[in-house]
N, C-alpha and C. Protein backbone atom coordinates (compact mmCIF):
# COMPACT_ATOMS: atom_id res chain seq x y z
N UNK A 1 97.65 48.07 243.99
CA UNK A 1 97.15 49.23 243.16
C UNK A 1 98.27 49.85 242.92
N UNK A 2 98.15 50.43 241.56
CA UNK A 2 99.26 51.23 240.84
C UNK A 2 99.12 52.64 241.14
N UNK A 3 99.87 53.26 241.85
CA UNK A 3 99.60 54.80 242.27
C UNK A 3 100.57 55.68 241.28
N UNK A 4 101.01 55.20 240.36
CA UNK A 4 101.94 55.94 239.41
C UNK A 4 101.08 56.79 238.44
N UNK A 5 101.22 58.17 238.39
CA UNK A 5 100.68 58.93 237.61
C UNK A 5 101.17 59.09 236.27
N UNK A 6 100.48 58.64 235.14
CA UNK A 6 101.14 58.88 233.88
C UNK A 6 100.79 60.17 233.05
N UNK A 7 101.69 60.68 232.20
CA UNK A 7 101.37 61.78 231.66
C UNK A 7 100.42 61.63 230.51
N UNK A 8 99.80 62.66 230.18
CA UNK A 8 98.61 62.65 229.07
C UNK A 8 99.13 62.73 227.87
N UNK A 9 98.74 61.91 226.95
CA UNK A 9 99.19 61.77 225.57
C UNK A 9 98.60 63.00 224.74
N UNK A 10 99.42 63.85 224.52
CA UNK A 10 98.85 65.06 223.89
C UNK A 10 98.45 64.73 222.27
N UNK A 11 98.92 63.75 221.77
CA UNK A 11 98.54 63.38 220.27
C UNK A 11 97.23 62.74 220.24
N UNK A 12 96.80 62.00 221.28
CA UNK A 12 95.56 61.41 221.24
C UNK A 12 94.28 62.48 221.36
N UNK A 13 93.23 62.28 220.36
CA UNK A 13 92.20 63.28 220.33
C UNK A 13 91.44 63.19 221.73
N UNK A 14 90.99 64.26 222.06
CA UNK A 14 90.23 64.44 223.40
C UNK A 14 88.72 64.43 222.73
N UNK A 15 87.81 63.50 223.33
CA UNK A 15 86.48 63.68 223.13
C UNK A 15 85.78 64.93 223.52
N UNK A 16 84.85 65.39 222.57
CA UNK A 16 84.22 66.82 222.96
C UNK A 16 83.11 66.37 223.99
N UNK A 17 82.90 67.35 225.08
CA UNK A 17 81.88 67.24 225.88
C UNK A 17 80.43 67.32 225.28
N UNK A 18 79.56 66.69 225.92
CA UNK A 18 78.24 66.72 225.41
C UNK A 18 77.52 65.41 225.74
N UNK A 19 76.26 65.28 225.10
CA UNK A 19 75.37 64.22 225.26
C UNK A 19 75.49 63.38 224.06
N UNK A 20 75.85 62.17 224.11
CA UNK A 20 76.10 61.31 222.99
C UNK A 20 74.72 60.32 222.81
N UNK A 21 74.28 60.19 221.73
CA UNK A 21 73.23 59.25 221.62
C UNK A 21 73.58 58.12 220.69
N UNK A 22 73.73 56.79 221.03
CA UNK A 22 74.12 55.66 220.18
C UNK A 22 72.95 54.84 220.00
N UNK A 23 72.88 54.33 218.78
CA UNK A 23 71.70 53.58 218.44
C UNK A 23 71.66 52.96 217.06
N UNK A 24 70.70 52.31 216.65
CA UNK A 24 70.77 51.95 215.29
C UNK A 24 69.60 52.46 214.52
N UNK A 25 69.84 52.88 213.11
CA UNK A 25 68.89 53.64 212.36
C UNK A 25 67.75 52.53 212.05
N UNK A 26 66.46 52.95 212.20
CA UNK A 26 65.48 51.97 211.95
C UNK A 26 64.62 52.58 210.93
N UNK A 27 64.44 53.87 210.68
CA UNK A 27 63.77 54.37 209.48
C UNK A 27 64.21 55.78 209.20
N UNK A 28 63.92 56.10 208.02
CA UNK A 28 64.13 57.63 207.37
C UNK A 28 62.85 57.98 206.80
N UNK A 29 62.53 59.12 207.23
CA UNK A 29 61.16 59.72 206.61
C UNK A 29 61.36 61.30 206.40
N UNK A 30 60.70 61.78 205.47
CA UNK A 30 60.76 63.16 205.20
C UNK A 30 59.31 63.96 205.09
N UNK A 31 59.14 65.16 205.52
CA UNK A 31 57.86 65.80 205.30
C UNK A 31 58.22 67.25 204.71
N UNK A 32 57.27 67.60 203.89
CA UNK A 32 57.40 69.07 203.48
C UNK A 32 56.29 69.87 203.97
N UNK A 33 56.56 71.27 204.46
CA UNK A 33 55.59 71.89 205.17
C UNK A 33 55.97 73.34 204.55
N UNK A 34 54.75 74.34 204.52
CA UNK A 34 54.94 75.60 204.24
C UNK A 34 55.28 76.39 205.52
N UNK A 35 56.24 77.42 205.38
CA UNK A 35 56.57 78.23 206.33
C UNK A 35 55.44 79.17 206.74
N UNK A 36 55.63 79.44 208.02
CA UNK A 36 54.59 80.34 208.63
C UNK A 36 54.59 81.73 208.10
N UNK A 37 55.73 82.31 207.62
CA UNK A 37 56.04 83.61 207.18
C UNK A 37 55.77 83.61 205.68
N UNK A 38 55.34 82.46 205.08
CA UNK A 38 54.91 82.56 203.63
C UNK A 38 55.99 82.57 202.78
N UNK A 39 57.28 82.37 203.17
CA UNK A 39 58.60 82.46 202.14
C UNK A 39 58.76 81.23 201.23
N UNK A 40 57.91 80.15 201.51
CA UNK A 40 58.07 79.09 200.58
C UNK A 40 57.90 77.66 201.38
N UNK A 41 58.61 76.72 200.83
CA UNK A 41 58.44 75.32 201.52
C UNK A 41 59.78 74.94 202.35
N UNK A 42 59.73 74.13 203.35
CA UNK A 42 60.71 73.56 203.93
C UNK A 42 60.62 72.11 204.03
N UNK A 43 61.61 71.42 204.30
CA UNK A 43 61.58 70.07 204.49
C UNK A 43 62.18 69.58 205.78
N UNK A 44 61.72 68.76 206.44
CA UNK A 44 62.27 68.10 207.71
C UNK A 44 62.41 66.63 207.48
N UNK A 45 63.64 66.11 207.53
CA UNK A 45 64.12 64.64 207.38
C UNK A 45 64.21 64.13 208.90
N UNK A 46 63.49 63.19 209.18
CA UNK A 46 63.59 62.38 210.56
C UNK A 46 64.10 61.10 210.40
N UNK A 47 65.20 60.82 211.27
CA UNK A 47 65.80 59.52 211.26
C UNK A 47 65.38 59.05 212.56
N UNK A 48 64.79 57.95 212.63
CA UNK A 48 64.29 57.20 213.69
C UNK A 48 65.38 56.21 214.28
N UNK A 49 65.91 56.47 215.45
CA UNK A 49 67.09 55.76 215.89
C UNK A 49 66.61 54.93 217.37
N UNK A 50 66.88 53.55 217.27
CA UNK A 50 66.45 52.72 218.36
C UNK A 50 67.63 52.73 219.27
N UNK A 51 67.34 52.92 220.51
CA UNK A 51 68.39 53.08 221.56
C UNK A 51 67.89 52.07 222.62
N UNK A 52 68.82 51.81 223.54
CA UNK A 52 68.54 50.69 224.37
C UNK A 52 67.19 51.03 225.30
N UNK A 53 66.87 52.15 225.73
CA UNK A 53 65.76 52.30 226.42
C UNK A 53 64.50 52.63 225.67
N UNK A 54 64.53 52.91 224.33
CA UNK A 54 63.50 53.43 223.59
C UNK A 54 63.93 53.82 222.20
N UNK A 55 63.19 54.93 221.64
CA UNK A 55 63.59 55.40 220.40
C UNK A 55 63.72 56.96 220.40
N UNK A 56 64.73 57.32 219.56
CA UNK A 56 65.05 58.72 219.53
C UNK A 56 64.85 59.20 217.98
N UNK A 57 64.25 60.46 217.91
CA UNK A 57 64.11 60.96 216.60
C UNK A 57 65.23 62.19 216.39
N UNK A 58 65.89 62.11 215.39
CA UNK A 58 66.80 63.02 215.01
C UNK A 58 66.19 63.89 213.83
N UNK A 59 66.00 65.06 214.01
CA UNK A 59 65.19 66.06 213.05
C UNK A 59 66.19 66.88 212.32
N UNK A 60 66.30 66.80 211.05
CA UNK A 60 67.18 67.85 210.30
C UNK A 60 66.30 68.75 209.25
N UNK A 61 66.53 70.03 209.22
CA UNK A 61 65.70 70.78 208.52
C UNK A 61 66.55 71.35 207.17
N UNK A 62 65.79 71.32 206.11
CA UNK A 62 66.45 71.79 204.78
C UNK A 62 65.61 72.77 204.14
N UNK A 63 66.17 73.49 203.33
CA UNK A 63 65.69 74.53 202.48
C UNK A 63 65.90 74.01 201.09
N UNK A 64 64.77 73.50 200.34
CA UNK A 64 64.95 72.96 199.07
C UNK A 64 65.58 73.93 198.00
N UNK A 65 65.39 75.27 198.25
CA UNK A 65 65.79 76.33 197.34
C UNK A 65 67.53 76.31 197.27
N UNK A 66 68.02 76.20 198.43
CA UNK A 66 69.37 76.41 198.58
C UNK A 66 70.07 75.12 198.81
N UNK A 67 69.46 74.12 199.20
CA UNK A 67 70.21 72.77 199.52
C UNK A 67 69.94 71.71 198.31
N UNK A 68 70.85 71.29 197.69
CA UNK A 68 70.74 70.37 196.47
C UNK A 68 70.43 68.91 196.94
N UNK A 69 70.64 68.77 198.28
CA UNK A 69 70.52 67.28 198.69
C UNK A 69 69.05 66.88 198.67
N UNK A 70 68.16 67.87 198.68
CA UNK A 70 66.69 67.68 199.00
C UNK A 70 65.98 68.20 197.66
N UNK A 71 65.30 67.36 197.07
CA UNK A 71 64.45 67.76 195.73
C UNK A 71 62.95 67.53 195.88
N UNK A 72 62.25 68.61 195.67
CA UNK A 72 60.82 68.71 195.94
C UNK A 72 60.07 69.10 194.61
N UNK A 73 59.21 68.30 194.42
CA UNK A 73 58.25 68.59 193.11
C UNK A 73 56.84 68.87 193.50
N UNK A 74 56.54 70.22 193.59
CA UNK A 74 55.37 70.62 194.25
C UNK A 74 55.51 70.74 195.70
N UNK A 75 54.63 69.81 196.16
CA UNK A 75 54.53 69.55 197.65
C UNK A 75 54.83 68.04 197.80
N UNK A 76 55.55 67.41 196.95
CA UNK A 76 55.92 66.00 197.17
C UNK A 76 57.49 65.88 197.05
N UNK A 77 58.04 65.11 197.99
CA UNK A 77 59.48 64.99 198.06
C UNK A 77 59.81 63.94 197.18
N UNK A 78 60.96 64.29 196.34
CA UNK A 78 61.33 63.50 195.23
C UNK A 78 62.55 62.73 195.88
N UNK A 79 63.54 63.54 196.53
CA UNK A 79 64.76 62.91 197.04
C UNK A 79 65.26 63.65 198.23
N UNK A 80 65.70 62.91 199.20
CA UNK A 80 66.15 63.35 200.43
C UNK A 80 67.32 62.47 200.92
N UNK A 81 68.29 63.09 201.83
CA UNK A 81 69.45 62.19 202.21
C UNK A 81 68.88 61.11 203.20
N UNK A 82 69.24 59.89 202.85
CA UNK A 82 68.78 58.79 203.73
C UNK A 82 70.05 58.18 204.35
N UNK A 83 69.92 57.55 205.68
CA UNK A 83 70.90 56.85 206.30
C UNK A 83 70.63 55.35 205.99
N UNK A 84 71.58 54.62 206.04
CA UNK A 84 71.44 53.14 205.91
C UNK A 84 70.74 52.60 207.08
N UNK A 85 69.76 51.85 206.87
CA UNK A 85 68.98 51.13 207.81
C UNK A 85 69.78 50.08 208.58
N UNK A 86 69.51 50.05 209.95
CA UNK A 86 70.19 49.00 210.64
C UNK A 86 71.75 49.27 210.80
N UNK A 87 72.14 50.40 210.60
CA UNK A 87 73.48 50.81 210.78
C UNK A 87 73.82 51.41 212.19
N UNK A 88 74.72 51.11 212.76
CA UNK A 88 74.91 51.64 214.21
C UNK A 88 75.45 53.09 213.94
N UNK A 89 74.85 54.09 214.77
CA UNK A 89 75.44 55.52 214.58
C UNK A 89 75.53 56.15 215.99
N UNK A 90 76.39 56.90 216.03
CA UNK A 90 76.68 57.99 217.34
C UNK A 90 76.35 59.31 216.82
N UNK A 91 75.63 59.95 217.60
CA UNK A 91 75.17 61.43 217.42
C UNK A 91 75.54 62.16 218.61
N UNK A 92 76.43 63.20 218.37
CA UNK A 92 76.69 64.24 219.48
C UNK A 92 75.60 65.26 219.64
N UNK A 93 74.74 65.16 220.45
CA UNK A 93 73.45 65.92 220.52
C UNK A 93 73.78 67.24 221.33
N UNK A 94 73.50 68.41 220.45
CA UNK A 94 73.72 69.74 221.37
C UNK A 94 72.29 70.43 221.77
N UNK A 95 71.18 69.80 221.31
CA UNK A 95 69.98 70.35 221.56
C UNK A 95 69.02 69.11 221.64
N UNK A 96 68.63 68.81 222.90
CA UNK A 96 67.69 67.69 223.13
C UNK A 96 66.28 68.16 223.69
N UNK A 97 65.35 67.47 223.37
CA UNK A 97 64.03 67.67 224.17
C UNK A 97 63.29 66.26 224.26
N UNK A 98 62.32 66.40 225.00
CA UNK A 98 61.44 65.20 225.28
C UNK A 98 59.99 65.58 224.56
N UNK A 99 59.55 64.94 223.76
CA UNK A 99 58.10 65.14 223.15
C UNK A 99 56.84 64.97 224.02
N UNK A 100 56.20 65.92 224.36
CA UNK A 100 55.20 65.94 225.45
C UNK A 100 54.15 64.90 225.17
N UNK A 101 53.70 64.51 223.90
CA UNK A 101 52.78 63.63 223.69
C UNK A 101 53.11 62.17 223.66
N UNK A 102 54.45 61.91 223.11
CA UNK A 102 54.77 60.58 222.94
C UNK A 102 55.89 60.16 223.97
N UNK A 103 56.60 61.03 224.60
CA UNK A 103 57.60 60.85 225.53
C UNK A 103 58.97 60.31 224.80
N UNK A 104 58.89 60.57 223.45
CA UNK A 104 60.16 60.17 222.79
C UNK A 104 61.22 61.18 223.00
N UNK A 105 62.53 60.98 222.87
CA UNK A 105 63.62 61.86 222.80
C UNK A 105 63.91 62.38 221.57
N UNK A 106 63.94 63.68 221.41
CA UNK A 106 63.97 64.43 220.02
C UNK A 106 65.16 65.05 219.94
N UNK A 107 65.99 64.85 219.03
CA UNK A 107 67.33 65.47 218.84
C UNK A 107 67.18 66.77 217.94
N UNK A 108 67.13 67.92 218.29
CA UNK A 108 66.85 69.09 217.58
C UNK A 108 68.16 69.55 216.77
N UNK A 109 69.27 69.39 217.38
CA UNK A 109 70.58 69.73 216.65
C UNK A 109 71.60 68.73 217.18
N UNK A 110 72.32 68.43 216.12
CA UNK A 110 73.49 67.27 216.50
C UNK A 110 74.08 66.99 215.46
N UNK A 111 75.42 66.26 215.38
CA UNK A 111 76.39 66.03 214.55
C UNK A 111 76.57 64.51 214.46
N UNK A 112 76.81 63.79 213.27
CA UNK A 112 76.92 62.54 213.37
C UNK A 112 78.52 62.37 213.67
N UNK A 113 78.86 61.45 214.55
CA UNK A 113 80.22 61.19 214.97
C UNK A 113 80.72 59.84 214.30
N UNK A 114 79.87 58.86 214.32
CA UNK A 114 80.37 57.58 213.76
C UNK A 114 79.12 56.74 213.32
């Protein structure tokens, strides 16, 4: 066994701490809903990601008034950001929860790593 301690390479990127969810994008869907305070419409885009033990849902919320990537006609969604299906992705999740009814993992806040 090699007991030599090697110095840390300072140039190599250090991965951020957190929970990483790796899987394959299975589906994209979007829903429009009215806000409770009556200030207009909001859009939730859900990406369904197949992981080894099950399925995770990554939910992103958009305001169609300020965000140009989402287009709404009345209460119908015309355009929303889609991820390529069957593409492998890694998401660094900062807020996770488990759905009470389905038991699925829901990623409330996260960022796409790869």
